[in-house]
Amino acid sequence: MNDEEIKRLEKEVKKTKRLAGEAAMALHDLIEDRLPEAYGELMETAQATFDACKAWDDACKKLLAATGETA
């Protein structure tokens, strides 16, 4: 894999980490500020957070595989 592809993967890791952080903040805000009234939003928000974290993990694994590093 060339340097350009590695940089693209690094950018993807940073982007997905930011998105996972934003999703985690939304979940935190729901839990801290709006429960129990907004309990109907809990599953959707939690799933979105899980999906964002999974995307970040997948991006990290791709980068590690491309650079030959181990976790």
C-alpha atoms as a PDB file:
ATOM      1  CA  MET A   1       0.000   0.000   0.000  1.00  0.00           C
ATOM      2  CA  ASN A   2       1.418   3.386  -0.925  1.00  0.00           C
ATOM      3  CA  ASP A   3       1.732   6.497   1.229  1.00  0.00           C
ATOM      4  CA  GLU A   4      -1.344   8.121  -0.322  1.00  0.00           C
ATOM      5  CA  GLU A   5      -3.530   5.157   0.581  1.00  0.00           C
ATOM      6  CA  ILE A   6      -2.123   5.101   4.124  1.00  0.00           C
ATOM      7  CA  LYS A   7      -2.896   8.803   4.514  1.00  0.00           C
ATOM      8  CA  ARG A   8      -6.431   8.181   3.262  1.00  0.00           C
ATOM      9  CA  LEU A   9      -6.886   5.452   5.874  1.00  0.00           C
ATOM     10  CA  GLU A  10      -5.458   7.708   8.605  1.00  0.00           C
ATOM     11  CA  LYS A  11      -7.928  10.414   7.585  1.00  0.00           C
ATOM     12  CA  GLU A  12     -10.758   7.866   7.726  1.00  0.00           C
ATOM     13  CA  VAL A  13      -9.711   6.844  11.252  1.00  0.00           C
ATOM     14  CA  LYS A  14      -9.736  10.481  12.392  1.00  0.00           C
ATOM     15  CA  LYS A  15     -13.120  11.124  10.778  1.00  0.00           C
ATOM     16  CA  THR A  16     -14.760   8.030  12.225  1.00  0.00           C
ATOM     17  CA  LYS A  17     -13.288   8.773  15.659  1.00  0.00           C
ATOM     18  CA  ARG A  18     -14.789  12.258  15.554  1.00  0.00           C
ATOM     19  CA  LEU A  19     -18.170  10.882  14.501  1.00  0.00           C
ATOM     20  CA  ALA A  20     -18.040   8.253  17.254  1.00  0.00           C
ATOM     21  CA  GLY A  21     -17.261  10.973  19.776  1.00  0.00           C
ATOM     22  CA  GLU A  22     -20.189  13.056  18.578  1.00  0.00           C
ATOM     23  CA  ALA A  23     -22.510  10.056  18.828  1.00  0.00           C
ATOM     24  CA  ALA A  24     -21.228   9.311  22.329  1.00  0.00           C
ATOM     25  CA  MET A  25     -21.897  12.913  23.357  1.00  0.00           C
ATOM     26  CA  ALA A  26     -25.454  12.668  22.033  1.00  0.00           C
ATOM     27  CA  LEU A  27     -25.993   9.482  24.031  1.00  0.00           C
ATOM     28  CA  HIS A  28     -24.478  11.097  27.129  1.00  0.00           C
ATOM     29  CA  ASP A  29     -26.700  14.153  26.768  1.00  0.00           C
ATOM     30  CA  LEU A  30     -29.768  11.958  26.397  1.00  0.00           C
ATOM     31  CA  ILE A  31     -28.886   9.973  29.498  1.00  0.00           C
ATOM     32  CA  GLU A  32     -27.844  12.919  31.645  1.00  0.00           C
ATOM     33  CA  ASP A  33     -30.391  15.514  30.620  1.00  0.00           C
ATOM     34  CA  ARG A  34     -33.470  13.955  29.091  1.00  0.00           C
ATOM     35  CA  LEU A  35     -34.170  10.588  30.662  1.00  0.00           C
ATOM     36  CA  PRO A  36     -36.592   9.227  31.710  1.00  0.00           C
ATOM     37  CA  GLU A  37     -38.902  11.444  29.617  1.00  0.00           C
ATOM     38  CA  ALA A  38     -37.058  10.721  26.350  1.00  0.00           C
ATOM     39  CA  TYR A  39     -36.685   6.976  26.887  1.00  0.00           C
ATOM     40  CA  GLY A  40     -38.191   6.362  23.441  1.00  0.00           C
ATOM     41  CA  GLU A  41     -35.032   7.779  21.858  1.00  0.00           C
ATOM     42  CA  LEU A  42     -32.673   5.590  23.853  1.00  0.00           C
ATOM     43  CA  MET A  43     -32.466   2.544  21.562  1.00  0.00           C
ATOM     44  CA  GLU A  44     -32.012   4.584  18.389  1.00  0.00           C
ATOM     45  CA  THR A  45     -29.351   6.791  19.965  1.00  0.00           C
ATOM     46  CA  ALA A  46     -27.538   3.828  21.467  1.00  0.00           C
ATOM     47  CA  GLN A  47     -27.582   1.981  18.126  1.00  0.00           C
ATOM     48  CA  ALA A  48     -26.235   5.039  16.314  1.00  0.00           C
ATOM     49  CA  THR A  49     -23.450   5.286  18.892  1.00  0.00           C
ATOM     50  CA  PHE A  50     -22.640   1.583  18.534  1.00  0.00           C
ATOM     51  CA  ASP A  51     -22.568   1.873  14.730  1.00  0.00           C
ATOM     52  CA  ALA A  52     -20.268   4.902  14.852  1.00  0.00           C
ATOM     53  CA  CYS A  53     -17.888   3.159  17.247  1.00  0.00           C
ATOM     54  CA  LYS A  54     -17.905   0.027  15.075  1.00  0.00           C
ATOM     55  CA  ALA A  55     -17.071   2.125  12.002  1.00  0.00           C
ATOM     56  CA  TRP A  56     -14.126   3.648  13.881  1.00  0.00           C
ATOM     57  CA  ASP A  57     -12.931   0.199  14.985  1.00  0.00           C
ATOM     58  CA  ASP A  58     -13.179  -1.121  11.430  1.00  0.00           C
ATOM     59  CA  ALA A  59     -11.222   1.871  10.108  1.00  0.00           C
ATOM     60  CA  CYS A  60      -8.527   1.308  12.749  1.00  0.00           C
ATOM     61  CA  LYS A  61      -8.236  -2.350  11.788  1.00  0.00           C
ATOM     62  CA  LYS A  62      -7.878  -1.449   8.100  1.00  0.00           C
ATOM     63  CA  LEU A  63      -5.109   1.007   8.926  1.00  0.00           C
ATOM     64  CA  LEU A  64      -3.298  -1.481  11.146  1.00  0.00           C
ATOM     65  CA  ALA A  65      -3.517  -4.143   8.461  1.00  0.00           C
ATOM     66  CA  ALA A  66      -2.222  -1.734   5.837  1.00  0.00           C
ATOM     67  CA  THR A  67       0.729  -0.635   7.933  1.00  0.00           C
ATOM     68  CA  GLY A  68       1.509  -4.117   9.199  1.00  0.00           C
ATOM     69  CA  GLU A  69       1.128  -3.073  12.825  1.00  0.00           C
ATOM     70  CA  THR A  70      -0.609  -5.050  15.533  1.00  0.00           C
ATOM     71  CA  ALA A  71      -3.126  -3.748  18.014  1.00  0.00           C
END
